[in-house]
Amino acid sequence: MVKSLEQAIAELERLPAEDQEQIGRSLLSHVEKLRALRGEIDKAAASLDAGLGKESSVEDFLRQKGQ
C-alpha cells in the first residue's frame, strides 16, 4: 500500500466508527466508478486500435449531447 493511503487509514482509525463507515462507503463507490471508467477507456482504445473509430467534430459531439 502506498504511504499516503496508509497515512489516511491511520487518520481514519481515529474517527468514530460511523464516520469511518461513511468514508469507507464513499471510497468504495469512487473506486467502482474509476474501474468502470477505466474499462470504458480500454474498450474505446481497443476500438480505435482496431480501426473502428470515425472522425468527428466538436459540433457533432455537442449536437449528440444536446439530444
Protein backbone atom coordinates (compact mmCIF):
# COMPACT_ATOMS: atom_id res chain seq x y z
CA MET A 1 0.00 0.00 0.00
CA VAL A 2 1.27 3.47 -0.78
CA LYS A 3 2.37 5.72 2.05
CA SER A 4 -0.35 8.35 1.58
CA LEU A 5 -3.09 5.71 1.76
CA GLU A 6 -1.53 4.23 4.89
CA GLN A 7 -1.49 7.69 6.47
CA ALA A 8 -5.11 8.31 5.51
CA ILE A 9 -6.20 4.99 7.02
CA ALA A 10 -4.30 5.76 10.21
CA GLU A 11 -6.17 9.07 10.48
CA LEU A 12 -9.49 7.40 9.73
CA GLU A 13 -8.93 4.93 12.55
CA ARG A 14 -9.05 7.87 14.95
CA LEU A 15 -12.56 8.84 13.84
CA PRO A 16 -15.81 7.45 15.25
CA ALA A 17 -16.99 4.18 13.66
CA GLU A 18 -19.96 5.89 11.99
CA ASP A 19 -17.64 8.34 10.20
CA GLN A 20 -15.28 5.52 9.21
CA GLU A 21 -18.20 3.60 7.71
CA GLN A 22 -19.42 6.58 5.70
CA ILE A 23 -15.95 7.35 4.37
CA GLY A 24 -15.39 3.69 3.56
CA ARG A 25 -18.62 3.54 1.53
CA SER A 26 -17.66 6.72 -0.32
CA LEU A 27 -14.21 5.40 -1.10
CA LEU A 28 -15.57 2.08 -2.39
CA SER A 29 -18.05 3.92 -4.60
CA HIS A 30 -15.25 6.07 -6.01
CA VAL A 31 -13.10 3.00 -6.73
CA GLU A 32 -16.02 1.29 -8.51
CA LYS A 33 -16.55 4.37 -10.69
CA LEU A 34 -12.84 4.51 -11.54
CA ARG A 35 -12.83 0.83 -12.52
CA ALA A 36 -15.86 1.31 -14.74
CA LEU A 37 -14.31 4.38 -16.38
CA ARG A 38 -11.02 2.57 -16.99
CA GLY A 39 -12.96 -0.31 -18.54
CA GLU A 40 -14.72 2.09 -20.90
CA ILE A 41 -11.42 3.75 -21.79
CA ASP A 42 -9.84 0.35 -22.51
CA LYS A 43 -12.78 -0.61 -24.76
CA ALA A 44 -12.56 2.69 -26.62
CA ALA A 45 -8.79 2.37 -27.07
CA ALA A 46 -9.18 -1.20 -28.40
CA SER A 47 -11.84 0.03 -30.81
CA LEU A 48 -9.54 2.76 -32.08
CA ASP A 49 -6.62 0.35 -32.33
CA ALA A 50 -8.82 -1.95 -34.45
CA GLY A 51 -9.51 0.95 -36.82
CA LEU A 52 -13.16 1.21 -35.82
CA GLY A 53 -13.02 4.90 -34.95
CA LYS A 54 -14.63 7.57 -37.06
CA GLU A 55 -13.84 11.22 -37.48
CA SER A 56 -15.98 13.61 -35.51
CA SER A 57 -16.13 17.28 -34.68
CA VAL A 58 -16.89 19.26 -31.55
CA GLU A 59 -20.14 20.36 -33.17
CA ASP A 60 -21.17 16.73 -33.75
CA PHE A 61 -20.37 15.89 -30.14
CA LEU A 62 -22.35 18.82 -28.78
CA ARG A 63 -25.26 18.04 -31.07
CA GLN A 64 -25.35 14.42 -29.79
CA LYS A 65 -25.20 15.53 -26.16
CA GLY A 66 -28.00 18.04 -26.73
CA GLN A 67 -30.46 15.32 -27.73
